[in-house]
Amino acid sequence: MRNVVLYELMSLDGVAEEPGESGWFTDADERLMDNLDRVIASQDTVLLGRRTYEKWAPHWPSSTMQPFADFINDTPKFLFSAAAPALPWSATTHVPGPAAPYVAGLKRATGGDIGIHGSLTLARSLLRERLVDELRLVVAPTLAGRGARLFEEPGDMQRFELVDSDRSGGCLLLHYRRR
């Protein structure tokens, strides 16, 4: 059984919406990229929601930010959206139907980890369905105040165990696994 791994940058108050655009994500050093490299090294599939896809599809194909640019451009991606994407992006499969049963099927197939990067609506829906096995959170030392939060919807309690923690500047690098 494959693991679904959610990688998310977030503020102390849980905002995970576009950290580069609003300026709340600060105070990281080279260990942040080392951590990202470890996370993506085990992933051979990526799940994306429509909004993240629309922001990333025009950006990443020409980006030189490594190791993520090569990873996200070359890795098979599944876009969960009712509408087909306006902009094509290599190695992308559009899935117009519900995400949960499709992801459950991906988990049963052979392969490496399945990553979710960004894609808050998709991440929340898969957390609600208990399809996320690991949380890889990067918590910045800021209170963003406004913005979409990863854990904003009430739901049933879920338990995770801390696997590892580290620092990158003032950011915490947290790795949790579902109990």
C-alpha atoms as a PDB file:
ATOM      1  CA  MET A   1       0.000   0.000   0.000  1.00  0.00           C
ATOM      2  CA  ARG A   2       1.359   3.380  -1.026  1.00  0.00           C
ATOM      3  CA  ASN A   3       1.399   6.372   1.318  1.00  0.00           C
ATOM      4  CA  VAL A   4      -0.191   9.734   0.590  1.00  0.00           C
ATOM      5  CA  VAL A   5       2.151  12.426   1.899  1.00  0.00           C
ATOM      6  CA  LEU A   6       0.911  15.983   2.368  1.00  0.00           C
ATOM      7  CA  TYR A   7       3.700  18.600   2.170  1.00  0.00           C
ATOM      8  CA  GLU A   8       2.539  22.037   3.225  1.00  0.00           C
ATOM      9  CA  LEU A   9       4.133  25.369   4.103  1.00  0.00           C
ATOM     10  CA  MET A  10       2.117  27.099   6.812  1.00  0.00           C
ATOM     11  CA  SER A  11       2.179  29.925   9.336  1.00  0.00           C
ATOM     12  CA  LEU A  12       1.874  29.498  13.100  1.00  0.00           C
ATOM     13  CA  ASP A  13      -1.835  30.291  12.831  1.00  0.00           C
ATOM     14  CA  GLY A  14      -2.320  27.628  10.164  1.00  0.00           C
ATOM     15  CA  VAL A  15      -2.469  29.755   7.004  1.00  0.00           C
ATOM     16  CA  ALA A  16      -1.205  27.720   4.073  1.00  0.00           C
ATOM     17  CA  GLU A  17      -2.354  29.893   1.192  1.00  0.00           C
ATOM     18  CA  GLU A  18       0.293  31.086  -1.309  1.00  0.00           C
ATOM     19  CA  PRO A  19       3.165  31.816   1.087  1.00  0.00           C
ATOM     20  CA  GLY A  20       5.317  33.513  -1.543  1.00  0.00           C
ATOM     21  CA  GLU A  21       2.683  36.056  -2.552  1.00  0.00           C
ATOM     22  CA  SER A  22       1.629  37.349   0.848  1.00  0.00           C
ATOM     23  CA  GLY A  23       5.056  37.504   2.505  1.00  0.00           C
ATOM     24  CA  TRP A  24       4.306  35.471   5.622  1.00  0.00           C
ATOM     25  CA  PHE A  25       6.787  32.703   4.796  1.00  0.00           C
ATOM     26  CA  THR A  26      10.203  33.806   6.053  1.00  0.00           C
ATOM     27  CA  ASP A  27      13.247  32.727   8.007  1.00  0.00           C
ATOM     28  CA  ALA A  28      14.261  29.471   6.289  1.00  0.00           C
ATOM     29  CA  ASP A  29      17.773  28.361   5.357  1.00  0.00           C
ATOM     30  CA  GLU A  30      19.288  25.639   3.147  1.00  0.00           C
ATOM     31  CA  ARG A  31      17.852  22.893   5.382  1.00  0.00           C
ATOM     32  CA  LEU A  32      14.418  23.709   3.948  1.00  0.00           C
ATOM     33  CA  MET A  33      15.527  22.564   0.488  1.00  0.00           C
ATOM     34  CA  ASP A  34      17.300  19.528   1.966  1.00  0.00           C
ATOM     35  CA  ASN A  35      14.033  18.601   3.685  1.00  0.00           C
ATOM     36  CA  LEU A  36      12.050  19.086   0.470  1.00  0.00           C
ATOM     37  CA  ASP A  37      14.559  16.912  -1.382  1.00  0.00           C
ATOM     38  CA  ARG A  38      14.043  14.099   1.167  1.00  0.00           C
ATOM     39  CA  VAL A  39      10.252  14.408   0.888  1.00  0.00           C
ATOM     40  CA  ILE A  40      10.108  14.269  -2.913  1.00  0.00           C
ATOM     41  CA  ALA A  41      12.777  11.551  -3.221  1.00  0.00           C
ATOM     42  CA  SER A  42      10.208   8.892  -2.282  1.00  0.00           C
ATOM     43  CA  GLN A  43       7.355  10.297  -4.392  1.00  0.00           C
ATOM     44  CA  ASP A  44       6.536   9.096  -7.895  1.00  0.00           C
ATOM     45  CA  THR A  45       3.057  10.617  -8.165  1.00  0.00           C
ATOM     46  CA  VAL A  46       1.626  14.075  -7.373  1.00  0.00           C
ATOM     47  CA  LEU A  47      -1.986  15.083  -6.718  1.00  0.00           C
ATOM     48  CA  LEU A  48      -3.043  18.630  -7.572  1.00  0.00           C
ATOM     49  CA  GLY A  49      -6.207  20.655  -7.234  1.00  0.00           C
ATOM     50  CA  ARG A  50      -7.387  23.088  -9.893  1.00  0.00           C
ATOM     51  CA  ARG A  51      -6.162  26.348  -8.297  1.00  0.00           C
ATOM     52  CA  THR A  52      -2.667  25.036  -7.622  1.00  0.00           C
ATOM     53  CA  TYR A  53      -2.489  23.582 -11.126  1.00  0.00           C
ATOM     54  CA  GLU A  54      -3.510  26.911 -12.671  1.00  0.00           C
ATOM     55  CA  LYS A  55      -0.760  28.742 -10.762  1.00  0.00           C
ATOM     56  CA  TRP A  56       1.922  26.107 -11.259  1.00  0.00           C
ATOM     57  CA  ALA A  57       1.406  24.998 -14.887  1.00  0.00           C
ATOM     58  CA  PRO A  58       2.665  28.298 -16.359  1.00  0.00           C
ATOM     59  CA  HIS A  59       5.445  28.667 -13.744  1.00  0.00           C
ATOM     60  CA  TRP A  60       7.263  25.368 -13.177  1.00  0.00           C
ATOM     61  CA  PRO A  61       8.086  24.304 -16.761  1.00  0.00           C
ATOM     62  CA  SER A  62      10.544  27.232 -17.049  1.00  0.00           C
ATOM     63  CA  SER A  63      11.667  27.350 -13.410  1.00  0.00           C
ATOM     64  CA  THR A  64      15.229  26.567 -12.350  1.00  0.00           C
ATOM     65  CA  MET A  65      14.411  26.147  -8.629  1.00  0.00           C
ATOM     66  CA  GLN A  66      15.854  22.751  -7.861  1.00  0.00           C
ATOM     67  CA  PRO A  67      15.210  20.099  -6.753  1.00  0.00           C
ATOM     68  CA  PHE A  68      11.492  20.867  -7.107  1.00  0.00           C
ATOM     69  CA  ALA A  69      11.362  22.058 -10.724  1.00  0.00           C
ATOM     70  CA  ASP A  70      12.633  18.813 -12.259  1.00  0.00           C
ATOM     71  CA  PHE A  71      10.537  16.765  -9.847  1.00  0.00           C
ATOM     72  CA  ILE A  72       7.225  18.525 -10.470  1.00  0.00           C
ATOM     73  CA  ASN A  73       7.724  18.714 -14.235  1.00  0.00           C
ATOM     74  CA  ASP A  74       8.758  15.076 -14.702  1.00  0.00           C
ATOM     75  CA  THR A  75       6.571  13.293 -12.136  1.00  0.00           C
ATOM     76  CA  PRO A  76       3.132  11.993 -13.159  1.00  0.00           C
ATOM     77  CA  LYS A  77       0.504  14.424 -11.895  1.00  0.00           C
ATOM     78  CA  PHE A  78      -3.220  13.885 -11.355  1.00  0.00           C
ATOM     79  CA  LEU A  79      -5.330  17.034 -11.596  1.00  0.00           C
ATOM     80  CA  PHE A  80      -8.660  16.821  -9.777  1.00  0.00           C
ATOM     81  CA  SER A  81     -11.019  19.318 -11.372  1.00  0.00           C
ATOM     82  CA  ALA A  82     -14.491  19.278 -12.880  1.00  0.00           C
ATOM     83  CA  ALA A  83     -13.190  21.318 -15.827  1.00  0.00           C
ATOM     84  CA  ALA A  84     -10.351  20.258 -18.101  1.00  0.00           C
ATOM     85  CA  PRO A  85      -7.225  22.394 -17.745  1.00  0.00           C
ATOM     86  CA  ALA A  86      -6.842  25.328 -20.140  1.00  0.00           C
ATOM     87  CA  LEU A  87      -3.056  24.982 -20.156  1.00  0.00           C
ATOM     88  CA  PRO A  88      -1.413  21.596 -20.775  1.00  0.00           C
ATOM     89  CA  TRP A  89       1.464  20.468 -18.543  1.00  0.00           C
ATOM     90  CA  SER A  90       3.655  17.431 -19.107  1.00  0.00           C
ATOM     91  CA  ALA A  91       2.791  14.160 -17.363  1.00  0.00           C
ATOM     92  CA  THR A  92      -0.641  15.390 -16.239  1.00  0.00           C
ATOM     93  CA  THR A  93      -3.804  13.299 -16.154  1.00  0.00           C
ATOM     94  CA  HIS A  94      -7.079  15.151 -15.672  1.00  0.00           C
ATOM     95  CA  VAL A  95      -9.512  13.423 -13.288  1.00  0.00           C
ATOM     96  CA  PRO A  96     -12.973  15.018 -13.485  1.00  0.00           C
ATOM     97  CA  GLY A  97     -14.606  12.749 -10.914  1.00  0.00           C
ATOM     98  CA  PRO A  98     -14.392  12.561  -7.121  1.00  0.00           C
ATOM     99  CA  ALA A  99     -10.861  12.447  -5.710  1.00  0.00           C
ATOM    100  CA  ALA A 100     -11.335  10.039  -2.790  1.00  0.00           C
ATOM    101  CA  PRO A 101     -12.145   6.821  -4.691  1.00  0.00           C
ATOM    102  CA  TYR A 102      -9.538   7.601  -7.327  1.00  0.00           C
ATOM    103  CA  VAL A 103      -6.827   8.227  -4.711  1.00  0.00           C
ATOM    104  CA  ALA A 104      -7.858   5.082  -2.817  1.00  0.00           C
ATOM    105  CA  GLY A 105      -7.209   3.166  -6.050  1.00  0.00           C
ATOM    106  CA  LEU A 106      -3.816   4.842  -6.512  1.00  0.00           C
ATOM    107  CA  LYS A 107      -2.891   3.848  -2.953  1.00  0.00           C
ATOM    108  CA  ARG A 108      -3.611   0.188  -3.743  1.00  0.00           C
ATOM    109  CA  ALA A 109      -1.404   0.221  -6.858  1.00  0.00           C
ATOM    110  CA  THR A 110       2.322  -0.440  -6.726  1.00  0.00           C
ATOM    111  CA  GLY A 111       4.724   2.458  -6.597  1.00  0.00           C
ATOM    112  CA  GLY A 112       6.280   5.072  -4.357  1.00  0.00           C
ATOM    113  CA  ASP A 113       4.680   7.716  -2.210  1.00  0.00           C
ATOM    114  CA  ILE A 114       1.915   9.925  -3.555  1.00  0.00           C
ATOM    115  CA  GLY A 115       2.515  13.607  -2.828  1.00  0.00           C
ATOM    116  CA  ILE A 116       0.109  16.466  -2.300  1.00  0.00           C
ATOM    117  CA  HIS A 117       1.782  19.859  -2.614  1.00  0.00           C
ATOM    118  CA  GLY A 118      -0.329  22.956  -2.010  1.00  0.00           C
ATOM    119  CA  SER A 119      -3.865  22.141  -3.175  1.00  0.00           C
ATOM    120  CA  LEU A 120      -5.630  22.988   0.098  1.00  0.00           C
ATOM    121  CA  THR A 121      -9.146  22.007  -0.963  1.00  0.00           C
ATOM    122  CA  LEU A 122      -7.928  18.639  -2.224  1.00  0.00           C
ATOM    123  CA  ALA A 123      -5.753  18.139   0.871  1.00  0.00           C
ATOM    124  CA  ARG A 124      -8.664  18.877   3.211  1.00  0.00           C
ATOM    125  CA  SER A 125     -10.958  16.462   1.363  1.00  0.00           C
ATOM    126  CA  LEU A 126      -8.382  13.648   1.488  1.00  0.00           C
ATOM    127  CA  LEU A 127      -7.677  14.319   5.174  1.00  0.00           C
ATOM    128  CA  ARG A 128     -11.415  14.157   5.877  1.00  0.00           C
ATOM    129  CA  GLU A 129     -11.554  10.771   4.100  1.00  0.00           C
ATOM    130  CA  ARG A 130      -8.494   9.570   6.093  1.00  0.00           C
ATOM    131  CA  LEU A 131      -6.495   9.000   2.904  1.00  0.00           C
ATOM    132  CA  VAL A 132      -3.497  11.088   4.022  1.00  0.00           C
ATOM    133  CA  ASP A 133      -0.891   8.905   5.729  1.00  0.00           C
ATOM    134  CA  GLU A 134       1.835  11.449   6.472  1.00  0.00           C
ATOM    135  CA  LEU A 135       2.011  15.176   7.145  1.00  0.00           C
ATOM    136  CA  ARG A 136       5.245  16.971   6.226  1.00  0.00           C
ATOM    137  CA  LEU A 137       4.665  20.476   7.575  1.00  0.00           C
ATOM    138  CA  VAL A 138       6.977  23.466   7.380  1.00  0.00           C
ATOM    139  CA  VAL A 139       5.789  25.959  10.002  1.00  0.00           C
ATOM    140  CA  ALA A 140       7.007  29.536   9.598  1.00  0.00           C
ATOM    141  CA  PRO A 141       7.459  31.773  12.661  1.00  0.00           C
ATOM    142  CA  THR A 142       4.721  34.221  11.650  1.00  0.00           C
ATOM    143  CA  LEU A 143       1.051  34.839  12.287  1.00  0.00           C
ATOM    144  CA  ALA A 144      -0.329  35.430   8.804  1.00  0.00           C
ATOM    145  CA  GLY A 145      -3.668  36.650  10.094  1.00  0.00           C
ATOM    146  CA  ARG A 146      -5.595  36.151   6.853  1.00  0.00           C
ATOM    147  CA  GLY A 147      -5.730  33.394   4.316  1.00  0.00           C
ATOM    148  CA  ALA A 148      -6.925  29.856   3.797  1.00  0.00           C
ATOM    149  CA  ARG A 149      -5.977  27.442   6.535  1.00  0.00           C
ATOM    150  CA  LEU A 150      -5.161  23.783   6.088  1.00  0.00           C
ATOM    151  CA  PHE A 151      -7.147  22.715   9.156  1.00  0.00           C
ATOM    152  CA  GLU A 152     -10.022  25.203   8.970  1.00  0.00           C
ATOM    153  CA  GLU A 153     -12.873  22.729   8.640  1.00  0.00           C
ATOM    154  CA  PRO A 154     -14.131  20.890  11.712  1.00  0.00           C
ATOM    155  CA  GLY A 155     -14.005  17.152  11.494  1.00  0.00           C
ATOM    156  CA  ASP A 156     -13.546  13.999  13.469  1.00  0.00           C
ATOM    157  CA  MET A 157     -10.407  13.594  15.545  1.00  0.00           C
ATOM    158  CA  GLN A 158      -7.476  11.909  13.822  1.00  0.00           C
ATOM    159  CA  ARG A 159      -4.248  10.859  15.513  1.00  0.00           C
ATOM    160  CA  PHE A 160      -0.750  11.198  14.106  1.00  0.00           C
ATOM    161  CA  GLU A 161       2.589  10.404  15.701  1.00  0.00           C
ATOM    162  CA  LEU A 162       5.654  12.618  15.435  1.00  0.00           C
ATOM    163  CA  VAL A 163       8.308  10.856  13.342  1.00  0.00           C
ATOM    164  CA  ASP A 164      10.879  13.631  13.149  1.00  0.00           C
ATOM    165  CA  SER A 165      11.383  17.340  13.705  1.00  0.00           C
ATOM    166  CA  ASP A 166      14.107  19.741  12.638  1.00  0.00           C
ATOM    167  CA  ARG A 167      14.637  23.435  12.030  1.00  0.00           C
ATOM    168  CA  SER A 168      15.387  25.564   9.029  1.00  0.00           C
ATOM    169  CA  GLY A 169      16.223  29.000  10.370  1.00  0.00           C
ATOM    170  CA  GLY A 170      13.192  29.866  12.472  1.00  0.00           C
ATOM    171  CA  CYS A 171      10.911  27.387  10.655  1.00  0.00           C
ATOM    172  CA  LEU A 172       9.967  24.031  12.090  1.00  0.00           C
ATOM    173  CA  LEU A 173      10.170  20.983   9.814  1.00  0.00           C
ATOM    174  CA  LEU A 174       7.643  18.490  11.183  1.00  0.00           C
ATOM    175  CA  HIS A 175       7.031  14.926  10.016  1.00  0.00           C
ATOM    176  CA  TYR A 176       3.941  13.116  11.287  1.00  0.00           C
ATOM    177  CA  ARG A 177       2.600   9.666  10.406  1.00  0.00           C
ATOM    178  CA  ARG A 178      -0.966   8.444  10.889  1.00  0.00           C
ATOM    179  CA  ARG A 179      -1.296   6.108  13.870  1.00  0.00           C
END
